[in-house]
Amino acid sequence: MRHFDLHCDTLCRCAASKETLLQNEGAVSVERGLIFDCWVQAFAAFIGDSHRGEEAYQDFLSQVAVLREAMESSEKIVAYDPHHLQEGVCNAMLTVENGAALGGKLERIEEFARLGVKVFSLVWNGENELAGGVESETGLTEFGRKAVRELEAHHMVVDVSHLNTMSFWDLCEVAERPFIATHSNCFEICPHKRNLDDLQIQEIIRRKGLIGINFFPIFINGESDASFQEIRRHIRHILSLGGEDVLAVGSDFDGAAMPSKLERIDKIPDWHQNLLKHFEPELVEKITFGNAQRFFEENL
């Protein structure tokens, strides 16, 4: 079984709790994830909206240190290389959730690239120097436009999860490379402002991006728990719009409450098996691994 997850917040959790990525009490640990034959896990350095400037930048570095410590202390976690996947280990991808991590300095994008950042989310829910999130009415700023160009020049993939509608369409005017939504669902199925409307989904499909299905029940059905069937409704809706090749997984483990049947990463095989009861094996492989792997092979 192969598994590719575009988003978890375990770095932030471990930085706060002083636990390690290898063994911790959260939803994702290297120890529990080694159940997969091949496993790629995107670890987001999450910056809250209360952090700006140097504080945000230092917060980012502290989370990078958590990932580096794990890689230095164990052979079971390695840096993700789309062209040289390793089996029996955690292939770890460093991502950023909230462009406030730059501390307002464009030149840090080059540094982030050197540190191994592969995916960069412009905002969280509020607004920052780059753009406005879903709790804001600000669009993409001039600094944000410059940042998008720099990110693309350094082959970092822009993540549109958390962008408000104005910022999303402003980005479309600037972006020349495919972008992705690492952990967003369908507004048509669950009308939450964090979800993507059909026009946004179709635009991501047109640009050959990715949409990672989020397991947070509030984004699935607006309730405190969600079933596998309700998750499948979001998958089927994206399929109905022609999105077979953009569907992926963006669990949001350690960043949000999870369904009772999907509380931790070691419950993922149960979800895989459920998908296989309702979709062809080739499609399940695309959703759970293949689409994301192909995307990064082509775009990093």
Protein backbone atom coordinates (compact mmCIF):
# COMPACT_ATOMS: atom_id res chain seq x y z
CA MET A 1 0.00 0.00 0.00
CA ARG A 2 1.29 3.44 -0.98
CA HIS A 3 0.21 6.70 0.66
CA PHE A 4 0.91 10.37 -0.13
CA ASP A 5 -0.43 13.04 2.24
CA LEU A 6 -0.13 16.69 1.18
CA HIS A 7 -0.69 18.23 4.61
CA CYS A 8 -0.27 17.67 8.33
CA ASP A 9 0.59 20.05 11.18
CA THR A 10 2.77 17.67 13.17
CA LEU A 11 5.86 19.89 13.07
CA CYS A 12 4.05 22.65 14.93
CA ARG A 13 2.63 20.19 17.42
CA CYS A 14 6.02 18.63 18.13
CA ALA A 15 7.71 22.01 18.42
CA ALA A 16 5.18 22.99 21.08
CA SER A 17 5.11 19.69 22.96
CA LYS A 18 8.85 19.00 22.69
CA GLU A 19 8.07 15.56 21.24
CA THR A 20 9.82 14.13 18.21
CA LEU A 21 8.49 13.26 14.77
CA LEU A 22 9.70 9.73 15.33
CA GLN A 23 7.56 9.03 18.41
CA ASN A 24 4.79 11.26 19.71
CA GLU A 25 1.21 11.18 20.93
CA GLY A 26 -0.19 13.04 17.93
CA ALA A 27 -1.90 11.77 14.80
CA VAL A 28 1.31 11.37 12.79
CA SER A 29 4.58 9.82 13.86
CA VAL A 30 7.22 8.11 11.78
CA GLU A 31 6.85 5.05 13.97
CA ARG A 32 3.13 4.66 13.15
CA GLY A 33 3.44 5.60 9.48
CA LEU A 34 5.84 2.82 8.57
CA ILE A 35 2.87 0.55 7.89
CA PHE A 36 2.98 1.70 4.26
CA ASP A 37 5.14 0.15 1.54
CA CYS A 38 5.85 3.65 0.28
CA TRP A 39 4.93 6.78 2.22
CA VAL A 40 5.30 10.46 1.37
CA GLN A 41 4.30 12.90 4.10
CA ALA A 42 4.21 16.66 3.68
CA PHE A 43 5.05 18.34 6.99
CA ALA A 44 3.81 21.92 7.14
CA ALA A 45 5.61 24.57 9.16
CA PHE A 46 2.49 26.34 10.40
CA ILE A 47 2.59 30.01 11.39
CA GLY A 48 -0.41 31.34 13.29
CA ASP A 49 -1.96 34.67 12.37
CA SER A 50 -0.72 36.25 15.59
CA HIS A 51 2.90 35.90 14.43
CA ARG A 52 4.44 38.40 12.06
CA GLY A 53 7.88 39.71 11.14
CA GLU A 54 10.92 38.21 12.85
CA GLU A 55 8.74 36.25 15.28
CA ALA A 56 7.06 34.41 12.38
CA TYR A 57 10.40 33.71 10.72
CA GLN A 58 11.90 32.30 13.93
CA ASP A 59 8.78 30.17 14.44
CA PHE A 60 9.35 28.71 10.98
CA LEU A 61 13.01 27.93 11.75
CA SER A 62 12.08 26.21 15.02
CA GLN A 63 9.79 23.85 13.12
CA VAL A 64 12.40 23.17 10.46
CA ALA A 65 14.69 22.16 13.33
CA VAL A 66 12.17 19.51 14.43
CA LEU A 67 12.29 17.93 10.98
CA ARG A 68 16.08 18.14 10.75
CA GLU A 69 16.52 16.56 14.17
CA ALA A 70 14.37 13.61 13.13
CA MET A 71 16.32 13.11 9.90
CA GLU A 72 19.65 13.31 11.70
CA SER A 73 18.65 10.83 14.38
CA SER A 74 16.95 8.16 12.28
CA GLU A 75 17.34 6.48 8.90
CA LYS A 76 13.58 5.94 8.84
CA ILE A 77 12.87 9.51 7.70
CA VAL A 78 14.49 11.03 4.61
CA ALA A 79 14.02 14.14 2.50
CA TYR A 80 11.47 13.61 -0.26
CA ASP A 81 12.96 13.38 -3.73
CA PRO A 82 10.25 12.69 -6.33
CA HIS A 83 12.78 11.02 -8.61
CA HIS A 84 14.29 8.76 -5.94
CA LEU A 85 11.50 7.51 -3.69
CA GLN A 86 12.54 5.21 -0.88
CA GLU A 87 10.42 2.34 0.42
CA GLY A 88 10.03 1.41 4.07
CA VAL A 89 10.74 4.95 5.30
CA CYS A 90 9.00 8.29 5.63
CA ASN A 91 9.76 10.41 2.57
CA ALA A 92 9.31 13.81 4.22
CA MET A 93 8.42 16.96 2.31
CA LEU A 94 8.82 20.34 4.01
CA THR A 95 6.02 22.83 3.29
CA VAL A 96 4.95 26.22 4.64
CA GLU A 97 1.47 27.11 5.88
CA ASN A 98 1.24 30.91 5.98
CA GLY A 99 3.61 33.13 4.02
CA ALA A 100 4.05 35.29 7.11
CA ALA A 101 6.99 32.92 7.66
CA LEU A 102 9.00 35.15 5.31
CA GLY A 103 8.83 37.95 7.84
CA GLY A 104 8.06 40.32 4.97
CA LYS A 105 11.42 39.70 3.27
CA LEU A 106 11.30 38.53 -0.33
CA GLU A 107 14.93 37.42 -0.30
CA ARG A 108 14.09 34.67 2.19
CA ILE A 109 12.37 32.69 -0.56
CA GLU A 110 15.80 31.64 -1.82
CA GLU A 111 16.72 30.58 1.71
CA PHE A 112 13.50 28.59 2.04
CA ALA A 113 14.33 26.79 -1.20
CA ARG A 114 17.77 25.88 0.17
CA LEU A 115 16.13 24.57 3.35
CA GLY A 116 14.04 22.23 1.23
CA VAL A 117 10.62 23.88 1.15
CA LYS A 118 8.63 22.41 -1.74
CA VAL A 119 5.14 23.86 -1.21
CA PHE A 120 4.28 27.35 0.04
CA SER A 121 0.84 28.43 1.28
CA LEU A 122 0.47 32.19 0.96
CA VAL A 123 -1.77 32.73 3.98
CA TRP A 124 -3.63 31.17 6.86
CA ASN A 125 -7.11 32.47 7.71
CA GLY A 126 -6.28 36.13 8.21
CA GLU A 127 -4.24 38.48 6.06
CA ASN A 128 -0.51 39.02 5.89
CA GLU A 129 2.00 40.83 3.69
CA LEU A 130 1.13 38.62 0.71
CA ALA A 131 -2.63 38.14 0.57
CA GLY A 132 -5.91 37.66 2.39
CA GLY A 133 -7.22 34.41 3.81
CA VAL A 134 -10.82 33.33 4.25
CA GLU A 135 -11.31 35.61 7.27
CA SER A 136 -10.20 38.64 5.25
CA GLU A 137 -11.42 40.63 2.27
CA THR A 138 -7.92 41.59 1.11
CA GLY A 139 -6.70 40.27 -2.22
CA LEU A 140 -3.18 39.49 -3.39
CA THR A 141 -0.86 42.38 -2.53
CA GLU A 142 1.93 43.74 -4.72
CA PHE A 143 4.39 42.03 -2.38
CA GLY A 144 2.37 38.84 -2.82
CA ARG A 145 2.57 39.10 -6.59
CA LYS A 146 6.35 39.46 -6.40
CA ALA A 147 6.49 36.53 -4.00
CA VAL A 148 4.52 34.28 -6.37
CA ARG A 149 6.97 35.07 -9.16
CA GLU A 150 9.92 34.30 -6.89
CA LEU A 151 8.35 31.09 -5.62
CA GLU A 152 7.79 29.89 -9.15
CA ALA A 153 11.33 30.87 -10.15
CA HIS A 154 12.60 28.63 -7.34
CA HIS A 155 10.21 25.81 -8.31
CA MET A 156 8.25 26.02 -5.08
CA VAL A 157 4.60 25.10 -5.59
CA VAL A 158 2.02 27.66 -4.46
CA ASP A 159 -0.71 26.31 -2.17
CA VAL A 160 -4.11 28.05 -2.41
CA SER A 161 -5.73 26.43 0.63
CA HIS A 162 -6.88 29.21 2.99
CA LEU A 163 -6.94 31.91 0.28
CA ASN A 164 -10.14 33.91 0.02
CA THR A 165 -11.90 34.10 -3.34
CA MET A 166 -10.39 37.45 -4.32
CA SER A 167 -6.84 36.32 -3.55
CA PHE A 168 -7.43 33.07 -5.45
CA TRP A 169 -8.43 34.84 -8.66
CA ASP A 170 -5.72 37.48 -8.22
CA LEU A 171 -3.23 34.63 -8.04
CA CYS A 172 -4.60 33.23 -11.29
CA GLU A 173 -3.59 36.47 -13.00
CA VAL A 174 0.02 36.03 -11.87
CA ALA A 175 0.71 32.30 -11.66
CA GLU A 176 2.37 30.71 -14.66
CA ARG A 177 2.99 27.30 -13.12
CA PRO A 178 0.43 24.82 -11.72
CA PHE A 179 -0.71 25.45 -8.16
CA ILE A 180 -2.41 23.18 -5.65
CA ALA A 181 -4.88 23.15 -2.76
CA THR A 182 -3.19 20.88 -0.24
CA HIS A 183 -6.15 20.44 2.11
CA SER A 184 -9.50 21.73 0.81
CA ASN A 185 -12.88 20.18 0.03
CA CYS A 186 -15.94 21.09 -2.07
CA PHE A 187 -18.14 24.08 -1.24
CA GLU A 188 -20.95 22.55 -3.29
CA ILE A 189 -21.07 19.60 -0.88
CA CYS A 190 -20.29 21.49 2.34
CA PRO A 191 -20.69 25.29 2.10
CA HIS A 192 -17.80 26.29 4.34
CA LYS A 193 -15.68 29.27 3.25
CA ARG A 194 -12.53 27.13 3.50
CA ASN A 195 -13.83 24.87 0.74
CA LEU A 196 -13.39 25.39 -3.00
CA ASP A 197 -16.29 26.37 -5.22
CA ASP A 198 -16.80 24.67 -8.58
CA LEU A 199 -15.12 27.44 -10.57
CA GLN A 200 -12.02 27.18 -8.39
CA ILE A 201 -11.97 23.41 -8.69
CA GLN A 202 -12.30 23.67 -12.47
CA GLU A 203 -9.45 26.19 -12.58
CA ILE A 204 -7.16 23.86 -10.63
CA ILE A 205 -8.15 21.05 -13.00
CA ARG A 206 -7.44 23.26 -16.01
CA ARG A 207 -4.00 24.11 -14.63
CA LYS A 208 -3.26 20.45 -13.84
CA GLY A 209 -2.82 21.04 -10.12
CA LEU A 210 -3.89 18.98 -7.11
CA ILE A 211 -6.69 19.04 -4.55
CA GLY A 212 -6.00 17.24 -1.28
CA ILE A 213 -9.16 15.94 0.40
CA ASN A 214 -9.29 17.25 3.97
CA PHE A 215 -10.52 14.92 6.75
CA PHE A 216 -11.70 17.70 9.11
CA PRO A 217 -15.45 16.97 9.61
CA ILE A 218 -16.34 20.67 9.63
CA PHE A 219 -15.16 20.82 5.99
CA ILE A 220 -16.84 17.52 5.11
CA ASN A 221 -20.34 17.93 6.50
CA GLY A 222 -20.26 20.81 8.98
CA GLU A 223 -20.53 18.42 11.93
CA SER A 224 -18.19 17.08 14.61
CA ASP A 225 -17.76 13.67 12.97
CA ALA A 226 -17.84 12.37 9.41
CA SER A 227 -18.20 9.00 7.72
CA PHE A 228 -16.22 7.46 4.89
CA GLN A 229 -19.36 7.83 2.76
CA GLU A 230 -19.40 11.60 3.34
CA ILE A 231 -15.74 11.88 2.38
CA ARG A 232 -16.55 9.97 -0.80
CA ARG A 233 -19.18 12.59 -1.70
CA HIS A 234 -16.41 15.18 -2.06
CA ILE A 235 -14.35 12.80 -4.16
CA ARG A 236 -17.31 12.03 -6.41
CA HIS A 237 -18.06 15.73 -6.86
CA ILE A 238 -14.53 16.50 -8.01
CA LEU A 239 -14.73 13.48 -10.32
CA SER A 240 -17.97 14.86 -11.77
CA LEU A 241 -16.10 18.05 -12.70
CA GLY A 242 -13.39 16.09 -14.51
CA GLY A 243 -10.90 15.99 -11.66
CA GLU A 244 -9.74 12.36 -11.73
CA ASP A 245 -6.13 13.48 -12.21
CA VAL A 246 -6.09 16.20 -9.52
CA LEU A 247 -7.54 14.26 -6.58
CA ALA A 248 -5.15 13.64 -3.71
CA VAL A 249 -5.06 13.42 0.10
CA GLY A 250 -4.54 16.38 2.45
CA SER A 251 -5.49 14.92 5.81
CA ASP A 252 -4.86 17.94 8.10
CA PHE A 253 -3.69 15.50 10.79
CA ASP A 254 -2.54 17.29 13.95
CA GLY A 255 -4.08 20.50 12.66
CA ALA A 256 -7.77 19.76 13.18
CA ALA A 257 -10.12 17.32 14.88
CA MET A 258 -10.44 14.13 12.84
CA PRO A 259 -13.31 11.73 12.15
CA SER A 260 -13.64 8.96 14.73
CA LYS A 261 -12.68 6.40 12.08
CA LEU A 262 -9.64 8.39 10.93
CA GLU A 263 -8.10 9.75 14.10
CA ARG A 264 -4.49 8.83 13.29
CA ILE A 265 -2.35 7.83 10.37
CA ASP A 266 -2.50 4.14 11.28
CA LYS A 267 -6.24 4.23 10.47
CA ILE A 268 -5.52 5.19 6.84
CA PRO A 269 -5.50 1.54 5.63
CA ASP A 270 -9.14 1.23 6.71
CA TRP A 271 -9.99 4.22 4.52
CA HIS A 272 -8.00 2.79 1.61
CA GLN A 273 -9.95 -0.47 1.87
CA ASN A 274 -13.23 1.42 1.96
CA LEU A 275 -12.31 3.35 -1.18
CA LEU A 276 -11.56 0.06 -2.94
CA LYS A 277 -15.13 -1.08 -2.28
CA HIS A 278 -16.52 1.89 -4.21
CA PHE A 279 -13.92 2.83 -6.85
CA GLU A 280 -11.71 0.99 -9.29
CA PRO A 281 -8.23 0.15 -7.91
CA GLU A 282 -6.57 2.36 -10.54
CA LEU A 283 -8.55 5.39 -9.35
CA VAL A 284 -7.86 4.67 -5.68
CA GLU A 285 -4.14 4.48 -6.46
CA LYS A 286 -4.36 7.86 -8.20
CA ILE A 287 -6.13 9.48 -5.26
CA THR A 288 -3.99 8.01 -2.50
CA PHE A 289 -0.60 8.28 -4.18
CA GLY A 290 -0.26 8.44 -7.95
CA ASN A 291 -1.62 11.90 -8.79
CA ALA A 292 0.49 13.65 -6.17
CA GLN A 293 3.63 11.72 -7.04
CA ARG A 294 3.21 12.46 -10.76
CA PHE A 295 2.60 16.14 -10.06
CA PHE A 296 5.83 16.57 -8.11
CA GLU A 297 7.81 14.54 -10.61
CA GLU A 298 6.69 17.05 -13.23
CA ASN A 299 6.81 20.28 -11.23
CA LEU A 300 9.72 20.23 -8.77
